[in-house]
């Protein structure tokens, strides 16, 4: 090869796109499962010494399947974080029960608000079906005002659309059938 690679007058060796003259790979210490493995020696003194591999880092009786899967080192920041902020102790039954009650009460409140907004007409219908007394009349008046406010927001449109679709399917007839 040339001493000056930028000189156009010097001949160049062509680059081989597929190099094939690699040295032979060293024999595997961990052959695939099912192949013969050299019998282990009884003591490290009897083990053959490889000059390229110092004997201090090789265990003759080692098996590749005994090695840990995770080889990443944990960062110092994670170790410091575990020391500074250790994980809390496991929760006892009273704490778990309180958490479950909070979760259930929040779900009930969210569902109740959702039904008040999008299904307030059911309260009106219920109050109209009850015998008239002070309570049912008051509930009906409050429901009428509530539904008037919800109608101004347009939150009654989904319920009306579903009701109209149901009514159209209910009133649908076959071609030779009498109208409903």
N, C-alpha and C. Protein backbone atom coordinates (compact mmCIF):
# COMPACT_ATOMS: atom_id res chain seq x y z
N UNK A 1 0.84 -1.18 0.00
CA UNK A 1 0.00 0.00 0.00
C UNK A 1 0.88 1.24 0.00
N UNK A 2 0.36 2.33 -0.41
CA UNK A 2 1.14 3.55 -0.58
C UNK A 2 1.33 4.25 0.75
N UNK A 3 2.44 5.00 0.80
CA UNK A 3 2.70 5.78 2.00
C UNK A 3 1.81 7.02 2.05
N UNK A 4 1.41 7.50 0.89
CA UNK A 4 0.56 8.68 0.80
C UNK A 4 -0.75 8.29 0.12
N UNK A 5 -1.80 8.04 0.89
CA UNK A 5 -3.03 7.54 0.25
C UNK A 5 -3.73 8.55 -0.63
N UNK A 6 -3.43 9.84 -0.48
CA UNK A 6 -4.10 10.85 -1.30
C UNK A 6 -3.41 11.08 -2.63
N UNK A 7 -2.26 10.48 -2.85
CA UNK A 7 -1.51 10.68 -4.08
C UNK A 7 -2.16 9.87 -5.21
N UNK A 8 -2.67 10.53 -6.30
CA UNK A 8 -3.35 9.79 -7.37
C UNK A 8 -2.42 8.98 -8.25
N UNK A 9 -1.12 9.23 -8.22
CA UNK A 9 -0.20 8.52 -9.10
C UNK A 9 0.22 7.17 -8.53
N UNK A 10 0.07 6.96 -7.25
CA UNK A 10 0.49 5.70 -6.65
C UNK A 10 -0.60 4.65 -6.84
N UNK A 11 -0.18 3.42 -7.15
CA UNK A 11 -1.20 2.36 -7.33
C UNK A 11 -1.83 2.00 -5.97
N UNK A 12 -3.07 1.60 -6.05
CA UNK A 12 -3.80 1.24 -4.83
C UNK A 12 -4.25 -0.21 -4.92
N UNK A 13 -4.33 -0.83 -3.77
CA UNK A 13 -4.89 -2.18 -3.70
C UNK A 13 -6.41 -2.06 -3.70
N UNK A 14 -7.05 -2.86 -4.53
CA UNK A 14 -8.53 -2.78 -4.53
C UNK A 14 -9.08 -3.32 -3.21
N UNK A 15 -10.16 -2.72 -2.78
CA UNK A 15 -10.81 -3.18 -1.55
C UNK A 15 -11.64 -4.42 -1.86
N UNK A 16 -11.53 -5.39 -1.01
CA UNK A 16 -12.30 -6.62 -1.18
C UNK A 16 -13.67 -6.43 -0.54
N UNK A 17 -14.76 -6.48 -1.32
CA UNK A 17 -16.08 -6.23 -0.72
C UNK A 17 -16.53 -7.36 0.20
N UNK A 18 -16.03 -8.56 -0.03
CA UNK A 18 -16.39 -9.69 0.81
C UNK A 18 -15.12 -10.37 1.30
N UNK A 19 -14.52 -9.87 2.36
CA UNK A 19 -13.26 -10.47 2.81
C UNK A 19 -13.50 -11.90 3.27
N UNK A 20 -12.56 -12.77 2.88
CA UNK A 20 -12.71 -14.18 3.22
C UNK A 20 -11.51 -14.74 3.96
N UNK A 21 -10.46 -14.00 4.11
CA UNK A 21 -9.28 -14.55 4.73
C UNK A 21 -9.21 -14.21 6.22
N UNK A 22 -10.25 -14.62 6.96
CA UNK A 22 -10.27 -14.43 8.40
C UNK A 22 -9.50 -15.57 9.06
N UNK A 23 -8.93 -15.31 10.22
CA UNK A 23 -8.28 -16.42 10.92
C UNK A 23 -9.34 -17.38 11.44
N UNK A 24 -8.95 -18.60 11.70
CA UNK A 24 -9.89 -19.60 12.21
C UNK A 24 -10.35 -19.19 13.62
N UNK A 25 -11.63 -19.33 13.90
CA UNK A 25 -12.09 -18.93 15.24
C UNK A 25 -11.57 -19.90 16.28
N UNK A 26 -11.39 -19.41 17.49
CA UNK A 26 -10.92 -20.30 18.55
C UNK A 26 -12.02 -21.30 18.89
N UNK A 27 -11.66 -22.45 19.40
CA UNK A 27 -12.70 -23.42 19.75
C UNK A 27 -13.58 -22.87 20.88
N UNK A 28 -14.85 -23.19 20.81
CA UNK A 28 -15.80 -22.67 21.79
C UNK A 28 -15.64 -23.39 23.12
N UNK A 29 -15.67 -22.62 24.17
CA UNK A 29 -15.65 -23.22 25.50
C UNK A 29 -17.02 -23.76 25.87
N UNK A 30 -18.04 -23.22 25.25
CA UNK A 30 -19.41 -23.63 25.54
C UNK A 30 -20.05 -24.10 24.24
N UNK A 31 -19.87 -25.35 23.87
CA UNK A 31 -20.45 -25.83 22.62
C UNK A 31 -21.97 -25.91 22.73
N UNK A 32 -22.68 -25.96 21.60
CA UNK A 32 -24.14 -26.07 21.64
C UNK A 32 -24.58 -27.33 22.37
N UNK A 33 -25.78 -27.29 22.89
CA UNK A 33 -26.32 -28.41 23.64
C UNK A 33 -26.40 -29.63 22.72
N UNK A 34 -25.98 -30.78 23.22
CA UNK A 34 -26.03 -32.01 22.45
C UNK A 34 -24.71 -32.40 21.86
N UNK A 35 -23.74 -31.49 21.80
CA UNK A 35 -22.44 -31.85 21.28
C UNK A 35 -21.55 -32.34 22.41
N UNK A 36 -20.53 -33.06 22.02
CA UNK A 36 -19.61 -33.60 23.02
C UNK A 36 -18.83 -32.47 23.68
N UNK A 37 -18.64 -32.59 24.96
CA UNK A 37 -17.85 -31.64 25.72
C UNK A 37 -16.68 -32.41 26.30
N UNK A 38 -15.52 -31.80 26.31
CA UNK A 38 -14.35 -32.46 26.89
C UNK A 38 -14.62 -32.71 28.37
N UNK A 39 -14.24 -33.87 28.87
CA UNK A 39 -14.49 -34.14 30.29
C UNK A 39 -13.74 -33.16 31.16
N UNK A 40 -14.38 -32.67 32.23
CA UNK A 40 -13.70 -31.69 33.08
C UNK A 40 -12.57 -32.35 33.86
N UNK A 41 -11.54 -31.59 34.06
CA UNK A 41 -10.43 -32.10 34.85
C UNK A 41 -10.76 -31.94 36.32
N UNK A 42 -10.13 -32.70 37.13
CA UNK A 42 -10.45 -32.72 38.55
C UNK A 42 -9.88 -31.53 39.29
N UNK A 43 -8.76 -31.07 38.92
CA UNK A 43 -8.17 -29.95 39.63
C UNK A 43 -7.70 -28.91 38.63
N UNK A 44 -7.63 -27.65 39.06
CA UNK A 44 -7.17 -26.61 38.14
C UNK A 44 -5.74 -26.82 37.69
N UNK A 45 -4.94 -27.55 38.47
CA UNK A 45 -3.55 -27.78 38.09
C UNK A 45 -3.46 -28.68 36.86
N UNK A 46 -4.44 -29.59 36.70
CA UNK A 46 -4.43 -30.49 35.56
C UNK A 46 -5.00 -29.85 34.29
N UNK A 47 -5.67 -28.74 34.43
CA UNK A 47 -6.30 -28.09 33.29
C UNK A 47 -5.23 -27.57 32.33
N UNK A 48 -5.48 -27.67 31.02
CA UNK A 48 -4.49 -27.13 30.08
C UNK A 48 -4.42 -25.62 30.20
N UNK A 49 -3.26 -25.09 30.10
CA UNK A 49 -3.05 -23.65 30.24
C UNK A 49 -3.04 -23.04 28.86
N UNK A 50 -3.90 -22.07 28.66
CA UNK A 50 -3.97 -21.34 27.40
C UNK A 50 -3.18 -20.05 27.58
N UNK A 51 -2.16 -19.80 26.78
CA UNK A 51 -1.36 -18.59 27.02
C UNK A 51 -2.13 -17.30 26.75
N UNK A 52 -3.17 -17.35 25.91
CA UNK A 52 -3.94 -16.14 25.64
C UNK A 52 -5.01 -15.90 26.70
N UNK A 53 -5.28 -16.91 27.52
CA UNK A 53 -6.32 -16.78 28.54
C UNK A 53 -5.70 -17.09 29.90
N UNK A 54 -5.53 -16.08 30.74
CA UNK A 54 -4.93 -16.36 32.04
C UNK A 54 -5.80 -17.30 32.86
N UNK A 55 -5.19 -18.17 33.65
CA UNK A 55 -5.97 -19.16 34.40
C UNK A 55 -6.81 -18.56 35.51
N UNK A 56 -6.58 -17.31 35.86
CA UNK A 56 -7.31 -16.73 36.98
C UNK A 56 -8.77 -16.44 36.66
N UNK A 57 -9.12 -16.29 35.37
CA UNK A 57 -10.50 -15.93 35.05
C UNK A 57 -11.27 -17.08 34.39
N UNK A 58 -10.81 -18.29 34.53
CA UNK A 58 -11.50 -19.40 33.90
C UNK A 58 -11.72 -20.52 34.90
N UNK A 59 -12.96 -20.94 35.03
CA UNK A 59 -13.31 -22.05 35.89
C UNK A 59 -13.56 -23.25 34.99
N UNK A 60 -12.82 -24.31 35.17
CA UNK A 60 -12.89 -25.47 34.28
C UNK A 60 -14.27 -26.11 34.36
N UNK A 61 -14.87 -26.12 35.52
CA UNK A 61 -16.18 -26.77 35.68
C UNK A 61 -17.35 -25.83 35.37
N UNK A 62 -17.09 -24.68 34.76
CA UNK A 62 -18.14 -23.71 34.48
C UNK A 62 -19.04 -24.21 33.37
N UNK A 63 -20.31 -23.82 33.45
CA UNK A 63 -21.29 -24.15 32.43
C UNK A 63 -21.91 -22.84 31.96
N UNK A 64 -22.10 -22.69 30.66
CA UNK A 64 -22.64 -21.45 30.12
C UNK A 64 -24.04 -21.18 30.65
N UNK A 65 -24.78 -22.21 31.00
CA UNK A 65 -26.14 -22.03 31.47
C UNK A 65 -26.19 -21.60 32.93
N UNK A 66 -25.06 -21.64 33.63
CA UNK A 66 -25.01 -21.18 35.01
C UNK A 66 -24.73 -19.69 35.12
N UNK A 67 -24.40 -19.06 34.00
CA UNK A 67 -24.06 -17.65 34.04
C UNK A 67 -25.32 -16.81 34.21
N UNK A 68 -25.21 -15.66 34.87
CA UNK A 68 -26.38 -14.80 35.04
C UNK A 68 -26.84 -14.23 33.71
N UNK A 69 -28.13 -14.07 33.57
CA UNK A 69 -28.70 -13.56 32.33
C UNK A 69 -28.47 -12.07 32.23
N UNK A 70 -28.66 -11.37 33.33
CA UNK A 70 -28.50 -9.92 33.31
C UNK A 70 -27.05 -9.58 33.59
N UNK A 71 -26.39 -9.02 32.62
CA UNK A 71 -24.97 -8.71 32.79
C UNK A 71 -24.73 -7.22 32.95
N UNK A 72 -25.78 -6.41 32.91
CA UNK A 72 -25.62 -4.97 33.06
C UNK A 72 -25.28 -4.63 34.50
N UNK A 73 -24.37 -3.69 34.66
CA UNK A 73 -24.07 -3.22 36.00
C UNK A 73 -25.10 -2.16 36.37
N UNK A 74 -25.50 -2.17 37.61
CA UNK A 74 -26.46 -1.18 38.09
C UNK A 74 -25.71 0.13 38.28
N UNK A 75 -26.30 1.20 37.80
CA UNK A 75 -25.62 2.49 37.89
C UNK A 75 -25.53 2.95 39.34
N UNK A 76 -24.55 3.77 39.60
CA UNK A 76 -24.36 4.28 40.96
C UNK A 76 -25.53 5.13 41.41
N UNK A 77 -26.16 5.82 40.45
CA UNK A 77 -27.30 6.66 40.80
C UNK A 77 -28.47 5.81 41.29
N UNK A 78 -28.69 4.65 40.65
CA UNK A 78 -29.76 3.76 41.11
C UNK A 78 -29.46 3.22 42.49
N UNK A 79 -28.22 2.86 42.72
CA UNK A 79 -27.84 2.35 44.04
C UNK A 79 -28.04 3.43 45.09
N UNK A 80 -27.63 4.66 44.78
CA UNK A 80 -27.82 5.76 45.71
C UNK A 80 -29.31 6.02 45.95
N UNK A 81 -30.10 5.92 44.88
CA UNK A 81 -31.55 6.13 45.03
C UNK A 81 -32.18 5.07 45.92
N UNK A 82 -31.72 3.83 45.80
CA UNK A 82 -32.25 2.77 46.66
C UNK A 82 -31.87 3.00 48.11
N UNK A 83 -30.66 3.54 48.32
CA UNK A 83 -30.25 3.83 49.69
C UNK A 83 -30.99 5.03 50.27
N UNK A 84 -31.15 6.07 49.45
CA UNK A 84 -31.80 7.28 49.93
C UNK A 84 -33.31 7.11 50.07
N UNK A 85 -33.91 6.39 49.14
CA UNK A 85 -35.36 6.18 49.14
C UNK A 85 -35.66 4.69 49.09
N UNK A 86 -35.55 4.00 50.21
CA UNK A 86 -35.80 2.56 50.18
C UNK A 86 -37.27 2.28 49.91
N UNK A 87 -37.59 1.12 49.35
CA UNK A 87 -38.99 0.82 49.08
C UNK A 87 -39.77 0.70 50.39
N UNK A 88 -41.03 1.11 50.38
CA UNK A 88 -41.80 1.05 51.62
C UNK A 88 -42.09 -0.39 52.02
N UNK A 89 -42.36 -0.60 53.28
CA UNK A 89 -42.71 -1.96 53.70
C UNK A 89 -44.04 -2.37 53.09
N UNK A 90 -44.30 -3.66 52.96
CA UNK A 90 -45.59 -4.08 52.39
C UNK A 90 -46.75 -3.59 53.24
N UNK A 91 -47.84 -3.26 52.56
CA UNK A 91 -49.00 -2.71 53.25
C UNK A 91 -49.72 -3.80 54.04
N UNK A 92 -50.30 -3.40 55.19
CA UNK A 92 -51.06 -4.36 55.98
C UNK A 92 -52.50 -4.41 55.48
N UNK A 93 -53.31 -5.25 56.07
CA UNK A 93 -54.68 -5.46 55.59
C UNK A 93 -55.54 -4.22 55.75
N UNK A 94 -55.36 -3.46 56.83
CA UNK A 94 -56.17 -2.26 57.05
C UNK A 94 -55.88 -1.22 55.97
N UNK A 95 -54.62 -1.07 55.60
CA UNK A 95 -54.26 -0.12 54.55
C UNK A 95 -54.84 -0.54 53.21
N UNK A 96 -54.75 -1.83 52.89
CA UNK A 96 -55.31 -2.32 51.63
C UNK A 96 -56.82 -2.15 51.60
N UNK A 97 -57.50 -2.40 52.72
CA UNK A 97 -58.95 -2.24 52.78
C UNK A 97 -59.34 -0.78 52.59
N UNK A 98 -58.60 0.14 53.22
CA UNK A 98 -58.89 1.57 53.05
C UNK A 98 -58.69 2.00 51.61
N UNK A 99 -57.63 1.49 50.97
CA UNK A 99 -57.39 1.82 49.56
C UNK A 99 -58.53 1.30 48.68
N UNK A 100 -59.00 0.10 48.95
CA UNK A 100 -60.10 -0.46 48.17
C UNK A 100 -61.39 0.33 48.36
N UNK A 101 -61.64 0.79 49.59
CA UNK A 101 -62.84 1.60 49.84
C UNK A 101 -62.75 2.94 49.12
N UNK A 102 -61.57 3.56 49.12
CA UNK A 102 -61.41 4.83 48.40
C UNK A 102 -61.65 4.63 46.91
N UNK A 103 -61.09 3.55 46.36
CA UNK A 103 -61.26 3.28 44.94
C UNK A 103 -62.74 3.07 44.61
N UNK A 104 -63.43 2.27 45.42
CA UNK A 104 -64.84 1.98 45.15
C UNK A 104 -65.69 3.24 45.28
N UNK A 105 -65.42 4.07 46.28
CA UNK A 105 -66.23 5.29 46.44
C UNK A 105 -65.98 6.25 45.28
N UNK A 106 -64.75 6.34 44.78
CA UNK A 106 -64.49 7.22 43.64
C UNK A 106 -65.21 6.72 42.40
N UNK A 107 -65.21 5.42 42.17
CA UNK A 107 -65.92 4.87 41.01
C UNK A 107 -67.41 5.16 41.12
N UNK A 108 -67.99 5.00 42.29
CA UNK A 108 -69.42 5.24 42.47
C UNK A 108 -69.76 6.71 42.21
N UNK A 109 -68.91 7.62 42.69
CA UNK A 109 -69.17 9.05 42.47
C UNK A 109 -69.07 9.39 40.99
N UNK A 110 -68.07 8.87 40.30
CA UNK A 110 -67.91 9.18 38.87
C UNK A 110 -69.09 8.64 38.07
N UNK A 111 -69.54 7.43 38.38
CA UNK A 111 -70.67 6.85 37.66
C UNK A 111 -71.95 7.63 37.95
N UNK A 112 -72.14 8.05 39.21
CA UNK A 112 -73.34 8.82 39.56
C UNK A 112 -73.37 10.16 38.81
N UNK A 113 -72.24 10.84 38.74
CA UNK A 113 -72.19 12.11 38.01
C UNK A 113 -72.45 11.87 36.53
N UNK A 114 -71.87 10.83 35.96
CA UNK A 114 -72.09 10.51 34.56
C UNK A 114 -73.57 10.25 34.30
N UNK A 115 -74.23 9.49 35.17
CA UNK A 115 -75.65 9.21 34.99
C UNK A 115 -76.51 10.45 35.19
N UNK A 116 -76.13 11.31 36.12
CA UNK A 116 -76.90 12.55 36.32
C UNK A 116 -76.84 13.43 35.07
N UNK A 117 -75.69 13.46 34.43
CA UNK A 117 -75.56 14.32 33.25
C UNK A 117 -76.23 13.72 32.03
N UNK A 118 -75.98 12.45 31.77
CA UNK A 118 -76.43 11.86 30.51
C UNK A 118 -77.71 11.04 30.62
N UNK A 119 -78.23 10.81 31.81
CA UNK A 119 -79.45 10.01 31.95
C UNK A 119 -80.39 10.61 32.99
N UNK A 120 -80.47 11.94 33.01
CA UNK A 120 -81.36 12.62 33.97
C UNK A 120 -82.83 12.38 33.67
N UNK A 121 -83.16 12.00 32.44
CA UNK A 121 -84.56 11.76 32.09
C UNK A 121 -85.12 10.56 32.85
N UNK A 122 -84.27 9.65 33.28
CA UNK A 122 -84.76 8.51 34.06
C UNK A 122 -85.30 8.96 35.41
N UNK A 123 -84.69 9.99 35.98
CA UNK A 123 -85.20 10.52 37.26
C UNK A 123 -86.57 11.14 37.03
N UNK A 124 -86.72 11.86 35.92
CA UNK A 124 -88.04 12.44 35.59
C UNK A 124 -89.08 11.33 35.44
N UNK A 125 -88.75 10.29 34.68
CA UNK A 125 -89.70 9.20 34.45
C UNK A 125 -90.06 8.50 35.76
N UNK A 126 -89.09 8.30 36.62
CA UNK A 126 -89.36 7.64 37.90
C UNK A 126 -90.30 8.50 38.74
N UNK A 127 -90.04 9.81 38.80
CA UNK A 127 -90.87 10.69 39.63
C UNK A 127 -92.30 10.76 39.09
N UNK A 128 -92.48 10.68 37.78
CA UNK A 128 -93.82 10.72 37.20
C UNK A 128 -94.60 9.44 37.47
N UNK A 129 -93.92 8.32 37.66
CA UNK A 129 -94.60 7.04 37.89
C UNK A 129 -95.01 6.85 39.35
N UNK A 130 -94.46 7.64 40.26
CA UNK A 130 -94.77 7.48 41.68
C UNK A 130 -96.08 8.19 42.02
N UNK A 131 -96.77 7.70 43.08
CA UNK A 131 -97.96 8.44 43.52
C UNK A 131 -97.56 9.83 44.02
N UNK A 132 -98.37 10.83 43.72
CA UNK A 132 -97.97 12.20 44.08
C UNK A 132 -97.95 12.41 45.61
N UNK A 133 -96.86 12.92 46.09
CA UNK A 133 -96.70 13.40 47.46
C UNK A 133 -95.63 14.48 47.44
N UNK A 134 -95.32 15.02 48.58
CA UNK A 134 -94.39 16.15 48.62
C UNK A 134 -93.03 15.75 48.02
N UNK A 135 -92.51 14.59 48.38
CA UNK A 135 -91.19 14.16 47.94
C UNK A 135 -91.14 13.96 46.42
N UNK A 136 -92.08 13.20 45.88
CA UNK A 136 -92.03 12.90 44.44
C UNK A 136 -92.27 14.14 43.59
N UNK A 137 -93.15 15.03 44.05
CA UNK A 137 -93.39 16.27 43.31
C UNK A 137 -92.13 17.13 43.33
N UNK A 138 -91.46 17.20 44.47
CA UNK A 138 -90.22 17.98 44.57
C UNK A 138 -89.14 17.39 43.67
N UNK A 139 -89.00 16.06 43.68
CA UNK A 139 -88.01 15.40 42.83
C UNK A 139 -88.33 15.66 41.36
N UNK A 140 -89.61 15.61 40.99
CA UNK A 140 -90.00 15.84 39.60
C UNK A 140 -89.69 17.27 39.18
N UNK A 141 -89.96 18.24 40.04
CA UNK A 141 -89.66 19.64 39.69
C UNK A 141 -88.14 19.87 39.56
N UNK A 142 -87.38 19.31 40.48
CA UNK A 142 -85.92 19.44 40.38
C UNK A 142 -85.40 18.76 39.11
N UNK A 143 -85.95 17.59 38.78
CA UNK A 143 -85.52 16.87 37.58
C UNK A 143 -85.89 17.65 36.32
N UNK A 144 -87.05 18.31 36.32
CA UNK A 144 -87.44 19.12 35.15
C UNK A 144 -86.46 20.28 34.96
N UNK A 145 -86.11 20.96 36.04
CA UNK A 145 -85.15 22.07 35.94
C UNK A 145 -83.78 21.54 35.50
N UNK A 146 -83.37 20.41 36.10
CA UNK A 146 -82.07 19.83 35.76
C UNK A 146 -82.00 19.46 34.28
N UNK A 147 -83.05 18.82 33.77
CA UNK A 147 -83.05 18.42 32.37
C UNK A 147 -83.11 19.63 31.43
N UNK A 148 -83.76 20.71 31.87
CA UNK A 148 -83.75 21.94 31.08
C UNK A 148 -82.33 22.50 30.95
N UNK A 149 -81.56 22.46 32.05
CA UNK A 149 -80.18 22.95 32.02
C UNK A 149 -79.30 22.02 31.17
N UNK A 150 -79.49 20.73 31.32
CA UNK A 150 -78.70 19.77 30.55
C UNK A 150 -79.01 19.90 29.05
N UNK A 151 -80.29 20.16 28.72
CA UNK A 151 -80.67 20.33 27.31
C UNK A 151 -79.98 21.55 26.71
N UNK A 152 -79.77 22.60 27.50
CA UNK A 152 -79.07 23.78 26.99
C UNK A 152 -77.60 23.45 26.67
N UNK A 153 -77.00 22.51 27.42
CA UNK A 153 -75.62 22.10 27.17
C UNK A 153 -75.53 21.10 26.02
N UNK A 154 -76.64 20.45 25.69
CA UNK A 154 -76.64 19.46 24.62
C UNK A 154 -76.27 18.07 25.10
N UNK A 155 -76.26 17.84 26.40
CA UNK A 155 -75.89 16.53 26.93
C UNK A 155 -77.02 15.53 26.80
N UNK A 156 -78.23 15.97 26.42
CA UNK A 156 -79.34 15.05 26.23
C UNK A 156 -79.39 14.50 24.80
N UNK A 157 -78.56 15.00 23.91
CA UNK A 157 -78.56 14.56 22.52
C UNK A 157 -78.20 13.08 22.36
N UNK A 158 -77.18 12.54 23.04
CA UNK A 158 -76.89 11.11 22.87
C UNK A 158 -78.05 10.22 23.28
N UNK A 159 -78.71 10.56 24.38
CA UNK A 159 -79.85 9.75 24.83
C UNK A 159 -80.99 9.84 23.83
N UNK A 160 -81.25 11.02 23.30
CA UNK A 160 -82.32 11.17 22.31
C UNK A 160 -81.99 10.40 21.04
N UNK A 161 -80.73 10.43 20.62
CA UNK A 161 -80.34 9.69 19.42
C UNK A 161 -80.52 8.19 19.59
N UNK A 162 -80.13 7.67 20.75
CA UNK A 162 -80.31 6.24 21.00
C UNK A 162 -81.79 5.89 21.06
N UNK A 163 -82.56 6.76 21.70
CA UNK A 163 -84.01 6.51 21.80
C UNK A 163 -84.67 6.53 20.42
N UNK A 164 -84.28 7.48 19.57
CA UNK A 164 -84.86 7.55 18.22
C UNK A 164 -84.47 6.33 17.38
N UNK A 165 -83.24 5.88 17.52
CA UNK A 165 -82.80 4.68 16.80
C UNK A 165 -83.58 3.47 17.25
N UNK A 166 -83.77 3.35 18.57
CA UNK A 166 -84.55 2.23 19.10
C UNK A 166 -86.00 2.30 18.60
N UNK A 167 -86.59 3.47 18.63
CA UNK A 167 -87.98 3.62 18.21
C UNK A 167 -88.13 3.31 16.72
N UNK A 168 -87.15 3.71 15.90
CA UNK A 168 -87.22 3.43 14.46
C UNK A 168 -87.12 1.92 14.22
N UNK A 169 -86.25 1.22 14.97
CA UNK A 169 -86.14 -0.23 14.82
C UNK A 169 -87.40 -0.91 15.33
N UNK A 170 -87.99 -0.36 16.39
CA UNK A 170 -89.21 -0.94 16.96
C UNK A 170 -90.39 -0.79 16.01
N UNK A 171 -90.45 0.35 15.33
CA UNK A 171 -91.57 0.62 14.41
C UNK A 171 -91.35 0.03 13.02
N UNK A 172 -90.20 -0.51 12.76
CA UNK A 172 -89.92 -1.08 11.43
C UNK A 172 -90.80 -2.30 11.19
N UNK A 173 -91.30 -2.43 9.95
CA UNK A 173 -92.17 -3.53 9.59
C UNK A 173 -91.67 -4.16 8.29
N UNK A 174 -92.06 -5.42 8.11
CA UNK A 174 -91.77 -6.08 6.85
C UNK A 174 -92.71 -5.49 5.78
N UNK A 175 -92.37 -5.61 4.50
CA UNK A 175 -93.15 -4.97 3.46
C UNK A 175 -94.65 -5.34 3.47
N UNK A 176 -95.02 -6.56 3.80
CA UNK A 176 -96.42 -6.96 3.74
C UNK A 176 -97.12 -6.86 5.08
N UNK A 177 -96.44 -6.30 6.10
CA UNK A 177 -97.00 -6.23 7.44
C UNK A 177 -97.77 -4.94 7.62
N UNK A 178 -98.77 -4.97 8.53
CA UNK A 178 -99.55 -3.77 8.84
C UNK A 178 -98.68 -2.77 9.60
N UNK A 179 -98.92 -1.48 9.42
CA UNK A 179 -98.14 -0.49 10.17
C UNK A 179 -98.42 -0.59 11.66
N UNK A 180 -97.46 -0.13 12.44
CA UNK A 180 -97.58 -0.22 13.90
C UNK A 180 -98.60 0.73 14.45
